[in-house]
Amino acid sequence: MQSSTAIDALSALAQTDRLAAFRLVLNAGPDGLASGRIAEGLGVQPTRMSFHLNTLERAGVLYSRRDGRHVLYSVNLRLMRDLLGFLTDECCGGHPEICAELSPKTKKTRVLEETP
């Protein structure tokens, strides 16, 4: 991944409404979510949400597709995997296995497994 691509994606996510929309769409899975449902779910005016969704799409973080009258958004999982890889490629002095536990859910599971 190019640094400029990573910067664009991170910049797009570095805003409260956009990050919340990204997480909501990610949670919806591969089928995505209609822009109106995203706005409603976050309590954001549809025109303002449209601006934020367009910013995420231009950065490559989200895809959009038409379904009748609705525009559905889904997460560009390939870009997100590449971004996470880019951020952790040189993690921890050449010991990437340390970064395997980035998710708080993974850490919680591991702590529970290690508890006698």
PDB file of N, CA and C in Angstrom:
ATOM      1  N   MET A   1       0.851  -1.173   0.000  1.00  0.00           N
ATOM      2  CA  MET A   1       0.000   0.000   0.000  1.00  0.00           C
ATOM      3  C   MET A   1       0.897   1.236   0.000  1.00  0.00           C
ATOM      4  N   GLN A   2       0.489   2.193  -0.781  1.00  0.00           N
ATOM      5  CA  GLN A   2       1.199   3.467  -0.828  1.00  0.00           C
ATOM      6  C   GLN A   2       0.857   4.289   0.417  1.00  0.00           C
ATOM      7  N   SER A   3       1.819   5.059   0.875  1.00  0.00           N
ATOM      8  CA  SER A   3       1.563   5.934   2.032  1.00  0.00           C
ATOM      9  C   SER A   3       0.405   6.873   1.762  1.00  0.00           C
ATOM     10  N   SER A   4       0.297   7.390   0.546  1.00  0.00           N
ATOM     11  CA  SER A   4      -0.778   8.333   0.227  1.00  0.00           C
ATOM     12  C   SER A   4      -2.154   7.681   0.356  1.00  0.00           C
ATOM     13  N   THR A   5      -2.272   6.403   0.003  1.00  0.00           N
ATOM     14  CA  THR A   5      -3.537   5.683   0.139  1.00  0.00           C
ATOM     15  C   THR A   5      -3.891   5.516   1.612  1.00  0.00           C
ATOM     16  N   ALA A   6      -2.894   5.167   2.425  1.00  0.00           N
ATOM     17  CA  ALA A   6      -3.111   5.013   3.863  1.00  0.00           C
ATOM     18  C   ALA A   6      -3.530   6.348   4.489  1.00  0.00           C
ATOM     19  N   ILE A   7      -2.867   7.413   4.086  1.00  0.00           N
ATOM     20  CA  ILE A   7      -3.189   8.739   4.623  1.00  0.00           C
ATOM     21  C   ILE A   7      -4.607   9.141   4.240  1.00  0.00           C
ATOM     22  N   ASP A   8      -5.007   8.883   2.998  1.00  0.00           N
ATOM     23  CA  ASP A   8      -6.374   9.207   2.563  1.00  0.00           C
ATOM     24  C   ASP A   8      -7.410   8.444   3.399  1.00  0.00           C
ATOM     25  N   ALA A   9      -7.180   7.147   3.597  1.00  0.00           N
ATOM     26  CA  ALA A   9      -8.129   6.331   4.361  1.00  0.00           C
ATOM     27  C   ALA A   9      -8.189   6.785   5.814  1.00  0.00           C
ATOM     28  N   LEU A  10      -7.035   6.990   6.416  1.00  0.00           N
ATOM     29  CA  LEU A  10      -7.006   7.411   7.821  1.00  0.00           C
ATOM     30  C   LEU A  10      -7.614   8.808   7.990  1.00  0.00           C
ATOM     31  N   SER A  11      -7.358   9.683   7.040  1.00  0.00           N
ATOM     32  CA  SER A  11      -7.933  11.039   7.102  1.00  0.00           C
ATOM     33  C   SER A  11      -9.450  10.991   7.005  1.00  0.00           C
ATOM     34  N   ALA A  12      -9.957  10.134   6.130  1.00  0.00           N
ATOM     35  CA  ALA A  12     -11.405  10.017   5.975  1.00  0.00           C
ATOM     36  C   ALA A  12     -12.057   9.490   7.252  1.00  0.00           C
ATOM     37  N   LEU A  13     -11.383   8.601   7.941  1.00  0.00           N
ATOM     38  CA  LEU A  13     -11.929   8.010   9.166  1.00  0.00           C
ATOM     39  C   LEU A  13     -11.752   8.904  10.394  1.00  0.00           C
ATOM     40  N   ALA A  14     -10.939   9.939  10.265  1.00  0.00           N
ATOM     41  CA  ALA A  14     -10.589  10.784  11.408  1.00  0.00           C
ATOM     42  C   ALA A  14     -11.615  11.897  11.650  1.00  0.00           C
ATOM     43  N   GLN A  15     -12.871  11.507  11.733  1.00  0.00           N
ATOM     44  CA  GLN A  15     -13.963  12.447  12.010  1.00  0.00           C
ATOM     45  C   GLN A  15     -15.066  11.624  12.676  1.00  0.00           C
ATOM     46  N   THR A  16     -15.684  12.165  13.679  1.00  0.00           N
ATOM     47  CA  THR A  16     -16.632  11.427  14.516  1.00  0.00           C
ATOM     48  C   THR A  16     -17.751  10.750  13.728  1.00  0.00           C
ATOM     49  N   ASP A  17     -18.468  11.504  12.894  1.00  0.00           N
ATOM     50  CA  ASP A  17     -19.594  10.929  12.146  1.00  0.00           C
ATOM     51  C   ASP A  17     -19.120   9.898  11.137  1.00  0.00           C
ATOM     52  N   ARG A  18     -18.005  10.162  10.471  1.00  0.00           N
ATOM     53  CA  ARG A  18     -17.504   9.214   9.468  1.00  0.00           C
ATOM     54  C   ARG A  18     -17.044   7.920  10.121  1.00  0.00           C
ATOM     55  N   LEU A  19     -16.347   8.010  11.239  1.00  0.00           N
ATOM     56  CA  LEU A  19     -15.906   6.797  11.925  1.00  0.00           C
ATOM     57  C   LEU A  19     -17.110   5.993  12.414  1.00  0.00           C
ATOM     58  N   ALA A  20     -18.101   6.672  12.944  1.00  0.00           N
ATOM     59  CA  ALA A  20     -19.316   5.988  13.400  1.00  0.00           C
ATOM     60  C   ALA A  20     -20.037   5.315  12.220  1.00  0.00           C
ATOM     61  N   ALA A  21     -20.112   6.003  11.090  1.00  0.00           N
ATOM     62  CA  ALA A  21     -20.749   5.427   9.901  1.00  0.00           C
ATOM     63  C   ALA A  21     -19.972   4.215   9.410  1.00  0.00           C
ATOM     64  N   PHE A  22     -18.663   4.318   9.373  1.00  0.00           N
ATOM     65  CA  PHE A  22     -17.823   3.196   8.953  1.00  0.00           C
ATOM     66  C   PHE A  22     -18.095   1.981   9.842  1.00  0.00           C
ATOM     67  N   ARG A  23     -18.098   2.178  11.146  1.00  0.00           N
ATOM     68  CA  ARG A  23     -18.307   1.062  12.072  1.00  0.00           C
ATOM     69  C   ARG A  23     -19.706   0.473  11.918  1.00  0.00           C
ATOM     70  N   LEU A  24     -20.708   1.308  11.677  1.00  0.00           N
ATOM     71  CA  LEU A  24     -22.075   0.833  11.475  1.00  0.00           C
ATOM     72  C   LEU A  24     -22.167   0.001  10.196  1.00  0.00           C
ATOM     73  N   VAL A  25     -21.569   0.494   9.132  1.00  0.00           N
ATOM     74  CA  VAL A  25     -21.590  -0.229   7.853  1.00  0.00           C
ATOM     75  C   VAL A  25     -20.787  -1.529   7.968  1.00  0.00           C
ATOM     76  N   LEU A  26     -19.672  -1.489   8.650  1.00  0.00           N
ATOM     77  CA  LEU A  26     -18.866  -2.695   8.857  1.00  0.00           C
ATOM     78  C   LEU A  26     -19.679  -3.749   9.599  1.00  0.00           C
ATOM     79  N   ASN A  27     -20.413  -3.329  10.601  1.00  0.00           N
ATOM     80  CA  ASN A  27     -21.244  -4.238  11.382  1.00  0.00           C
ATOM     81  C   ASN A  27     -22.381  -4.837  10.549  1.00  0.00           C
ATOM     82  N   ALA A  28     -22.825  -4.119   9.523  1.00  0.00           N
ATOM     83  CA  ALA A  28     -23.915  -4.597   8.669  1.00  0.00           C
ATOM     84  C   ALA A  28     -23.489  -5.762   7.781  1.00  0.00           C
ATOM     85  N   GLY A  29     -22.198  -5.934   7.583  1.00  0.00           N
ATOM     86  CA  GLY A  29     -21.705  -7.047   6.773  1.00  0.00           C
ATOM     87  C   GLY A  29     -21.621  -6.706   5.302  1.00  0.00           C
ATOM     88  N   PRO A  30     -21.381  -7.726   4.492  1.00  0.00           N
ATOM     89  CA  PRO A  30     -21.127  -7.508   3.057  1.00  0.00           C
ATOM     90  C   PRO A  30     -22.309  -6.971   2.259  1.00  0.00           C
ATOM     91  N   ASP A  31     -23.530  -7.142   2.761  1.00  0.00           N
ATOM     92  CA  ASP A  31     -24.703  -6.618   2.046  1.00  0.00           C
ATOM     93  C   ASP A  31     -24.774  -5.105   2.125  1.00  0.00           C
ATOM     94  N   GLY A  32     -24.115  -4.528   3.114  1.00  0.00           N
ATOM     95  CA  GLY A  32     -24.095  -3.082   3.247  1.00  0.00           C
ATOM     96  C   GLY A  32     -25.344  -2.532   3.896  1.00  0.00           C
ATOM     97  N   LEU A  33     -25.438  -1.225   3.820  1.00  0.00           N
ATOM     98  CA  LEU A  33     -26.517  -0.508   4.481  1.00  0.00           C
ATOM     99  C   LEU A  33     -26.887   0.711   3.641  1.00  0.00           C
ATOM    100  N   ALA A  34     -28.179   0.991   3.569  1.00  0.00           N
ATOM    101  CA  ALA A  34     -28.653   2.154   2.806  1.00  0.00           C
ATOM    102  C   ALA A  34     -28.252   3.443   3.520  1.00  0.00           C
ATOM    103  N   SER A  35     -27.956   4.457   2.727  1.00  0.00           N
ATOM    104  CA  SER A  35     -27.515   5.734   3.288  1.00  0.00           C
ATOM    105  C   SER A  35     -28.524   6.305   4.283  1.00  0.00           C
ATOM    106  N   GLY A  36     -29.813   6.175   3.981  1.00  0.00           N
ATOM    107  CA  GLY A  36     -30.851   6.668   4.892  1.00  0.00           C
ATOM    108  C   GLY A  36     -30.838   5.946   6.232  1.00  0.00           C
ATOM    109  N   ARG A  37     -30.604   4.650   6.202  1.00  0.00           N
ATOM    110  CA  ARG A  37     -30.533   3.867   7.451  1.00  0.00           C
ATOM    111  C   ARG A  37     -29.308   4.253   8.258  1.00  0.00           C
ATOM    112  N   ILE A  38     -28.204   4.561   7.567  1.00  0.00           N
ATOM    113  CA  ILE A  38     -26.988   4.995   8.258  1.00  0.00           C
ATOM    114  C   ILE A  38     -27.263   6.315   8.972  1.00  0.00           C
ATOM    115  N   ALA A  39     -27.842   7.267   8.240  1.00  0.00           N
ATOM    116  CA  ALA A  39     -28.156   8.579   8.820  1.00  0.00           C
ATOM    117  C   ALA A  39     -29.102   8.432  10.005  1.00  0.00           C
ATOM    118  N   GLU A  40     -30.130   7.632   9.824  1.00  0.00           N
ATOM    119  CA  GLU A  40     -31.109   7.411  10.892  1.00  0.00           C
ATOM    120  C   GLU A  40     -30.454   6.742  12.102  1.00  0.00           C
ATOM    121  N   GLY A  41     -29.643   5.733  11.854  1.00  0.00           N
ATOM    122  CA  GLY A  41     -28.990   5.003  12.939  1.00  0.00           C
ATOM    123  C   GLY A  41     -28.048   5.862  13.760  1.00  0.00           C
ATOM    124  N   LEU A  42     -27.483   6.878  13.119  1.00  0.00           N
ATOM    125  CA  LEU A  42     -26.535   7.746  13.815  1.00  0.00           C
ATOM    126  C   LEU A  42     -27.153   9.075  14.251  1.00  0.00           C
ATOM    127  N   GLY A  43     -28.417   9.299  13.875  1.00  0.00           N
ATOM    128  CA  GLY A  43     -29.072  10.555  14.236  1.00  0.00           C
ATOM    129  C   GLY A  43     -28.449  11.758  13.544  1.00  0.00           C
ATOM    130  N   VAL A  44     -28.060  11.565  12.287  1.00  0.00           N
ATOM    131  CA  VAL A  44     -27.420  12.622  11.497  1.00  0.00           C
ATOM    132  C   VAL A  44     -28.343  12.989  10.344  1.00  0.00           C
ATOM    133  N   GLN A  45     -28.417  14.265  10.020  1.00  0.00           N
ATOM    134  CA  GLN A  45     -29.228  14.702   8.877  1.00  0.00           C
ATOM    135  C   GLN A  45     -28.755  13.994   7.608  1.00  0.00           C
ATOM    136  N   PRO A  46     -29.680  13.517   6.763  1.00  0.00           N
ATOM    137  CA  PRO A  46     -29.300  12.785   5.552  1.00  0.00           C
ATOM    138  C   PRO A  46     -28.330  13.545   4.639  1.00  0.00           C
ATOM    139  N   THR A  47     -28.511  14.852   4.479  1.00  0.00           N
ATOM    140  CA  THR A  47     -27.595  15.592   3.597  1.00  0.00           C
ATOM    141  C   THR A  47     -26.185  15.626   4.176  1.00  0.00           C
ATOM    142  N   ARG A  48     -26.084  15.787   5.487  1.00  0.00           N
ATOM    143  CA  ARG A  48     -24.769  15.781   6.135  1.00  0.00           C
ATOM    144  C   ARG A  48     -24.138  14.391   6.047  1.00  0.00           C
ATOM    145  N   MET A  49     -24.947  13.347   6.232  1.00  0.00           N
ATOM    146  CA  MET A  49     -24.427  11.985   6.148  1.00  0.00           C
ATOM    147  C   MET A  49     -23.974  11.677   4.734  1.00  0.00           C
ATOM    148  N   SER A  50     -24.691  12.167   3.747  1.00  0.00           N
ATOM    149  CA  SER A  50     -24.310  11.971   2.352  1.00  0.00           C
ATOM    150  C   SER A  50     -22.919  12.547   2.082  1.00  0.00           C
ATOM    151  N   PHE A  51     -22.658  13.726   2.614  1.00  0.00           N
ATOM    152  CA  PHE A  51     -21.337  14.341   2.483  1.00  0.00           C
ATOM    153  C   PHE A  51     -20.261  13.428   3.094  1.00  0.00           C
ATOM    154  N   HIS A  52     -20.517  12.916   4.280  1.00  0.00           N
ATOM    155  CA  HIS A  52     -19.545  12.052   4.965  1.00  0.00           C
ATOM    156  C   HIS A  52     -19.347  10.723   4.218  1.00  0.00           C
ATOM    157  N   LEU A  53     -20.431  10.144   3.737  1.00  0.00           N
ATOM    158  CA  LEU A  53     -20.321   8.884   2.996  1.00  0.00           C
ATOM    159  C   LEU A  53     -19.542   9.077   1.697  1.00  0.00           C
ATOM    160  N   ASN A  54     -19.761  10.200   1.033  1.00  0.00           N
ATOM    161  CA  ASN A  54     -19.003  10.496  -0.186  1.00  0.00           C
ATOM    162  C   ASN A  54     -17.516  10.634   0.123  1.00  0.00           C
ATOM    163  N   THR A  55     -17.182  11.241   1.256  1.00  0.00           N
ATOM    164  CA  THR A  55     -15.776  11.381   1.662  1.00  0.00           C
ATOM    165  C   THR A  55     -15.155  10.007   1.883  1.00  0.00           C
ATOM    166  N   LEU A  56     -15.879   9.122   2.551  1.00  0.00           N
ATOM    167  CA  LEU A  56     -15.381   7.764   2.785  1.00  0.00           C
ATOM    168  C   LEU A  56     -15.237   6.989   1.482  1.00  0.00           C
ATOM    169  N   GLU A  57     -16.164   7.203   0.576  1.00  0.00           N
ATOM    170  CA  GLU A  57     -16.093   6.510  -0.718  1.00  0.00           C
ATOM    171  C   GLU A  57     -14.923   7.027  -1.558  1.00  0.00           C
ATOM    172  N   ARG A  58     -14.718   8.335  -1.592  1.00  0.00           N
ATOM    173  CA  ARG A  58     -13.590   8.897  -2.348  1.00  0.00           C
ATOM    174  C   ARG A  58     -12.251   8.386  -1.825  1.00  0.00           C
ATOM    175  N   ALA A  59     -12.169   8.154  -0.526  1.00  0.00           N
ATOM    176  CA  ALA A  59     -10.940   7.650   0.088  1.00  0.00           C
ATOM    177  C   ALA A  59     -10.779   6.144  -0.134  1.00  0.00           C
ATOM    178  N   GLY A  60     -11.814   5.502  -0.678  1.00  0.00           N
ATOM    179  CA  GLY A  60     -11.732   4.073  -0.947  1.00  0.00           C
ATOM    180  C   GLY A  60     -12.140   3.190   0.218  1.00  0.00           C
ATOM    181  N   VAL A  61     -12.574   3.792   1.307  1.00  0.00           N
ATOM    182  CA  VAL A  61     -12.937   3.041   2.504  1.00  0.00           C
ATOM    183  C   VAL A  61     -14.278   2.326   2.324  1.00  0.00           C
ATOM    184  N   LEU A  62     -15.202   2.959   1.615  1.00  0.00           N
ATOM    185  CA  LEU A  62     -16.513   2.374   1.341  1.00  0.00           C
ATOM    186  C   LEU A  62     -16.741   2.243  -0.150  1.00  0.00           C
ATOM    187  N   TYR A  63     -17.580   1.269  -0.508  1.00  0.00           N
ATOM    188  CA  TYR A  63     -18.118   1.124  -1.864  1.00  0.00           C
ATOM    189  C   TYR A  63     -19.578   1.536  -1.810  1.00  0.00           C
ATOM    190  N   SER A  64     -20.098   1.995  -2.935  1.00  0.00           N
ATOM    191  CA  SER A  64     -21.540   2.232  -3.000  1.00  0.00           C
ATOM    192  C   SER A  64     -22.095   1.541  -4.232  1.00  0.00           C
ATOM    193  N   ARG A  65     -23.379   1.194  -4.141  1.00  0.00           N
ATOM    194  CA  ARG A  65     -24.079   0.611  -5.287  1.00  0.00           C
ATOM    195  C   ARG A  65     -25.552   0.973  -5.163  1.00  0.00           C
ATOM    196  N   ARG A  66     -26.179   1.112  -6.289  1.00  0.00           N
ATOM    197  CA  ARG A  66     -27.603   1.444  -6.316  1.00  0.00           C
ATOM    198  C   ARG A  66     -28.434   0.183  -6.210  1.00  0.00           C
ATOM    199  N   ASP A  67     -29.509   0.304  -5.452  1.00  0.00           N
ATOM    200  CA  ASP A  67     -30.508  -0.762  -5.355  1.00  0.00           C
ATOM    201  C   ASP A  67     -31.863  -0.068  -5.413  1.00  0.00           C
ATOM    202  N   GLY A  68     -32.375   0.092  -6.628  1.00  0.00           N
ATOM    203  CA  GLY A  68     -33.619   0.843  -6.812  1.00  0.00           C
ATOM    204  C   GLY A  68     -33.389   2.302  -6.463  1.00  0.00           C
ATOM    205  N   ARG A  69     -34.185   2.804  -5.532  1.00  0.00           N
ATOM    206  CA  ARG A  69     -34.069   4.200  -5.112  1.00  0.00           C
ATOM    207  C   ARG A  69     -32.988   4.415  -4.062  1.00  0.00           C
ATOM    208  N   HIS A  70     -32.440   3.341  -3.532  1.00  0.00           N
ATOM    209  CA  HIS A  70     -31.487   3.435  -2.429  1.00  0.00           C
ATOM    210  C   HIS A  70     -30.042   3.303  -2.900  1.00  0.00           C
ATOM    211  N   VAL A  71     -29.151   3.956  -2.175  1.00  0.00           N
ATOM    212  CA  VAL A  71     -27.719   3.772  -2.368  1.00  0.00           C
ATOM    213  C   VAL A  71     -27.227   2.986  -1.159  1.00  0.00           C
ATOM    214  N   LEU A  72     -26.668   1.813  -1.435  1.00  0.00           N
ATOM    215  CA  LEU A  72     -26.158   0.956  -0.370  1.00  0.00           C
ATOM    216  C   LEU A  72     -24.653   1.120  -0.265  1.00  0.00           C
ATOM    217  N   TYR A  73     -24.157   1.184   0.956  1.00  0.00           N
ATOM    218  CA  TYR A  73     -22.729   1.315   1.213  1.00  0.00           C
ATOM    219  C   TYR A  73     -22.230   0.074   1.921  1.00  0.00           C
ATOM    220  N   SER A  74     -21.058  -0.380   1.501  1.00  0.00           N
ATOM    221  CA  SER A  74     -20.396  -1.486   2.183  1.00  0.00           C
ATOM    222  C   SER A  74     -18.912  -1.151   2.307  1.00  0.00           C
ATOM    223  N   VAL A  75     -18.269  -1.805   3.262  1.00  0.00           N
ATOM    224  CA  VAL A  75     -16.863  -1.534   3.554  1.00  0.00           C
ATOM    225  C   VAL A  75     -15.976  -2.219   2.521  1.00  0.00           C
ATOM    226  N   ASN A  76     -14.950  -1.519   2.101  1.00  0.00           N
ATOM    227  CA  ASN A  76     -13.935  -2.070   1.214  1.00  0.00           C
ATOM    228  C   ASN A  76     -12.970  -2.875   2.098  1.00  0.00           C
ATOM    229  N   LEU A  77     -13.299  -4.133   2.319  1.00  0.00           N
ATOM    230  CA  LEU A  77     -12.520  -4.969   3.233  1.00  0.00           C
ATOM    231  C   LEU A  77     -11.089  -5.183   2.750  1.00  0.00           C
ATOM    232  N   ARG A  78     -10.898  -5.257   1.467  1.00  0.00           N
ATOM    233  CA  ARG A  78      -9.543  -5.434   0.944  1.00  0.00           C
ATOM    234  C   ARG A  78      -8.656  -4.243   1.330  1.00  0.00           C
ATOM    235  N   LEU A  79      -9.192  -3.024   1.140  1.00  0.00           N
ATOM    236  CA  LEU A  79      -8.425  -1.845   1.510  1.00  0.00           C
ATOM    237  C   LEU A  79      -8.152  -1.830   3.013  1.00  0.00           C
ATOM    238  N   MET A  80      -9.144  -2.195   3.812  1.00  0.00           N
ATOM    239  CA  MET A  80      -8.956  -2.177   5.266  1.00  0.00           C
ATOM    240  C   MET A  80      -7.919  -3.215   5.702  1.00  0.00           C
ATOM    241  N   ARG A  81      -7.926  -4.402   5.086  1.00  0.00           N
ATOM    242  CA  ARG A  81      -6.889  -5.392   5.398  1.00  0.00           C
ATOM    243  C   ARG A  81      -5.516  -4.867   5.016  1.00  0.00           C
ATOM    244  N   ASP A  82      -5.441  -4.268   3.831  1.00  0.00           N
ATOM    245  CA  ASP A  82      -4.166  -3.694   3.380  1.00  0.00           C
ATOM    246  C   ASP A  82      -3.707  -2.578   4.319  1.00  0.00           C
ATOM    247  N   LEU A  83      -4.647  -1.750   4.775  1.00  0.00           N
ATOM    248  CA  LEU A  83      -4.305  -0.666   5.688  1.00  0.00           C
ATOM    249  C   LEU A  83      -3.784  -1.214   7.017  1.00  0.00           C
ATOM    250  N   LEU A  84      -4.464  -2.208   7.564  1.00  0.00           N
ATOM    251  CA  LEU A  84      -4.000  -2.809   8.817  1.00  0.00           C
ATOM    252  C   LEU A  84      -2.623  -3.448   8.638  1.00  0.00           C
ATOM    253  N   GLY A  85      -2.421  -4.106   7.509  1.00  0.00           N
ATOM    254  CA  GLY A  85      -1.114  -4.682   7.219  1.00  0.00           C
ATOM    255  C   GLY A  85      -0.047  -3.609   7.107  1.00  0.00           C
ATOM    256  N   PHE A  86      -0.373  -2.533   6.414  1.00  0.00           N
ATOM    257  CA  PHE A  86       0.556  -1.414   6.261  1.00  0.00           C
ATOM    258  C   PHE A  86       0.954  -0.845   7.621  1.00  0.00           C
ATOM    259  N   LEU A  87      -0.024  -0.710   8.502  1.00  0.00           N
ATOM    260  CA  LEU A  87       0.234  -0.135   9.820  1.00  0.00           C
ATOM    261  C   LEU A  87       1.035  -1.066  10.729  1.00  0.00           C
ATOM    262  N   THR A  88       0.933  -2.364  10.500  1.00  0.00           N
ATOM    263  CA  THR A  88       1.585  -3.322  11.403  1.00  0.00           C
ATOM    264  C   THR A  88       2.742  -4.087  10.773  1.00  0.00           C
ATOM    265  N   ASP A  89       3.067  -3.803   9.521  1.00  0.00           N
ATOM    266  CA  ASP A  89       4.142  -4.534   8.831  1.00  0.00           C
ATOM    267  C   ASP A  89       5.446  -4.561   9.605  1.00  0.00           C
ATOM    268  N   GLU A  90       5.785  -3.463  10.188  1.00  0.00           N
ATOM    269  CA  GLU A  90       7.064  -3.392  10.885  1.00  0.00           C
ATOM    270  C   GLU A  90       6.847  -3.283  12.384  1.00  0.00           C
ATOM    271  N   CYS A  91       5.851  -3.993  12.831  1.00  0.00           N
ATOM    272  CA  CYS A  91       5.432  -3.940  14.227  1.00  0.00           C
ATOM    273  C   CYS A  91       6.445  -4.602  15.158  1.00  0.00           C
ATOM    274  N   CYS A  92       6.660  -3.977  16.255  1.00  0.00           N
ATOM    275  CA  CYS A  92       7.342  -4.585  17.394  1.00  0.00           C
ATOM    276  C   CYS A  92       8.712  -5.174  17.048  1.00  0.00           C
ATOM    277  N   GLY A  93       9.506  -4.422  16.315  1.00  0.00           N
ATOM    278  CA  GLY A  93      10.875  -4.835  16.040  1.00  0.00           C
ATOM    279  C   GLY A  93      10.994  -6.152  15.304  1.00  0.00           C
ATOM    280  N   GLY A  94      10.113  -6.391  14.350  1.00  0.00           N
ATOM    281  CA  GLY A  94      10.203  -7.611  13.549  1.00  0.00           C
ATOM    282  C   GLY A  94       9.504  -8.814  14.168  1.00  0.00           C
ATOM    283  N   HIS A  95       8.674  -8.592  15.167  1.00  0.00           N
ATOM    284  CA  HIS A  95       7.926  -9.683  15.799  1.00  0.00           C
ATOM    285  C   HIS A  95       6.427  -9.437  15.632  1.00  0.00           C
ATOM    286  N   PRO A  96       5.905  -9.628  14.408  1.00  0.00           N
ATOM    287  CA  PRO A  96       4.504  -9.300  14.131  1.00  0.00           C
ATOM    288  C   PRO A  96       3.510 -10.131  14.940  1.00  0.00           C
ATOM    289  N   GLU A  97       3.926 -11.266  15.482  1.00  0.00           N
ATOM    290  CA  GLU A  97       3.004 -12.081  16.276  1.00  0.00           C
ATOM    291  C   GLU A  97       2.487 -11.318  17.499  1.00  0.00           C
ATOM    292  N   ILE A  98       3.238 -10.336  17.952  1.00  0.00           N
ATOM    293  CA  ILE A  98       2.794  -9.516  19.080  1.00  0.00           C
ATOM    294  C   ILE A  98       1.546  -8.725  18.682  1.00  0.00           C
ATOM    295  N   CYS A  99       1.464  -8.329  17.433  1.00  0.00           N
ATOM    296  CA  CYS A  99       0.323  -7.543  16.940  1.00  0.00           C
ATOM    297  C   CYS A  99      -0.905  -8.403  16.665  1.00  0.00           C
ATOM    298  N   ALA A 100      -0.801  -9.703  16.793  1.00  0.00           N
ATOM    299  CA  ALA A 100      -1.933 -10.584  16.516  1.00  0.00           C
ATOM    300  C   ALA A 100      -3.086 -10.333  17.476  1.00  0.00           C
ATOM    301  N   GLU A 101      -2.819  -9.696  18.582  1.00  0.00           N
ATOM    302  CA  GLU A 101      -3.851  -9.469  19.580  1.00  0.00           C
ATOM    303  C   GLU A 101      -4.289  -8.008  19.622  1.00  0.00           C
ATOM    304  N   LEU A 102      -4.468  -7.401  18.468  1.00  0.00           N
ATOM    305  CA  LEU A 102      -4.875  -6.001  18.411  1.00  0.00           C
ATOM    306  C   LEU A 102      -6.301  -5.784  18.882  1.00  0.00           C
ATOM    307  N   SER A 103      -7.169  -6.746  18.679  1.00  0.00           N
ATOM    308  CA  SER A 103      -8.575  -6.582  19.033  1.00  0.00           C
ATOM    309  C   SER A 103      -8.778  -6.736  20.533  1.00  0.00           C
ATOM    310  N   PRO A 104      -9.508  -5.798  21.147  1.00  0.00           N
ATOM    311  CA  PRO A 104      -9.811  -5.947  22.576  1.00  0.00           C
ATOM    312  C   PRO A 104     -10.556  -7.248  22.858  1.00  0.00           C
ATOM    313  N   LYS A 105     -11.374  -7.719  21.906  1.00  0.00           N
ATOM    314  CA  LYS A 105     -12.106  -8.972  22.096  1.00  0.00           C
ATOM    315  C   LYS A 105     -11.138 -10.144  22.157  1.00  0.00           C
ATOM    316  N   THR A 106     -10.096 -10.123  21.305  1.00  0.00           N
ATOM    317  CA  THR A 106      -9.093 -11.186  21.310  1.00  0.00           C
ATOM    318  C   THR A 106      -8.350 -11.187  22.631  1.00  0.00           C
ATOM    319  N   LYS A 107      -7.979 -10.020  23.117  1.00  0.00           N
ATOM    320  CA  LYS A 107      -7.263  -9.921  24.390  1.00  0.00           C
ATOM    321  C   LYS A 107      -8.120 -10.469  25.520  1.00  0.00           C
ATOM    322  N   LYS A 108      -9.393 -10.110  25.530  1.00  0.00           N
ATOM    323  CA  LYS A 108     -10.284 -10.570  26.583  1.00  0.00           C
ATOM    324  C   LYS A 108     -10.383 -12.088  26.561  1.00  0.00           C
ATOM    325  N   THR A 109     -10.517 -12.678  25.381  1.00  0.00           N
ATOM    326  CA  THR A 109     -10.605 -14.119  25.244  1.00  0.00           C
ATOM    327  C   THR A 109      -9.336 -14.781  25.750  1.00  0.00           C
ATOM    328  N   ARG A 110      -8.190 -14.227  25.372  1.00  0.00           N
ATOM    329  CA  ARG A 110      -6.922 -14.814  25.778  1.00  0.00           C
ATOM    330  C   ARG A 110      -6.740 -14.735  27.290  1.00  0.00           C
ATOM    331  N   VAL A 111      -7.115 -13.624  27.893  1.00  0.00           N
ATOM    332  CA  VAL A 111      -7.007 -13.481  29.348  1.00  0.00           C
ATOM    333  C   VAL A 111      -7.870 -14.536  30.028  1.00  0.00           C
ATOM    334  N   LEU A 112      -9.071 -14.749  29.518  1.00  0.00           N
ATOM    335  CA  LEU A 112      -9.961 -15.748  30.098  1.00  0.00           C
ATOM    336  C   LEU A 112      -9.378 -17.159  29.950  1.00  0.00           C
ATOM    337  N   GLU A 113      -8.743 -17.426  28.799  1.00  0.00           N
ATOM    338  CA  GLU A 113      -8.144 -18.737  28.569  1.00  0.00           C
ATOM    339  C   GLU A 113      -6.954 -18.979  29.487  1.00  0.00           C
ATOM    340  N   GLU A 114      -6.204 -17.921  29.813  1.00  0.00           N
ATOM    341  CA  GLU A 114      -5.007 -18.062  30.616  1.00  0.00           C
ATOM    342  C   GLU A 114      -5.310 -18.066  32.110  1.00  0.00           C
ATOM    343  N   THR A 115      -6.517 -17.649  32.501  1.00  0.00           N
ATOM    344  CA  THR A 115      -6.882 -17.594  33.908  1.00  0.00           C
ATOM    345  C   THR A 115      -7.085 -19.001  34.437  1.00  0.00           C
ATOM    346  N   PRO A 116      -6.407 -19.368  35.546  1.00  0.00           N
ATOM    347  CA  PRO A 116      -6.558 -20.729  36.094  1.00  0.00           C
ATOM    348  C   PRO A 116      -7.925 -20.957  36.688  1.00  0.00           C
TER     349      PRO A 116
END
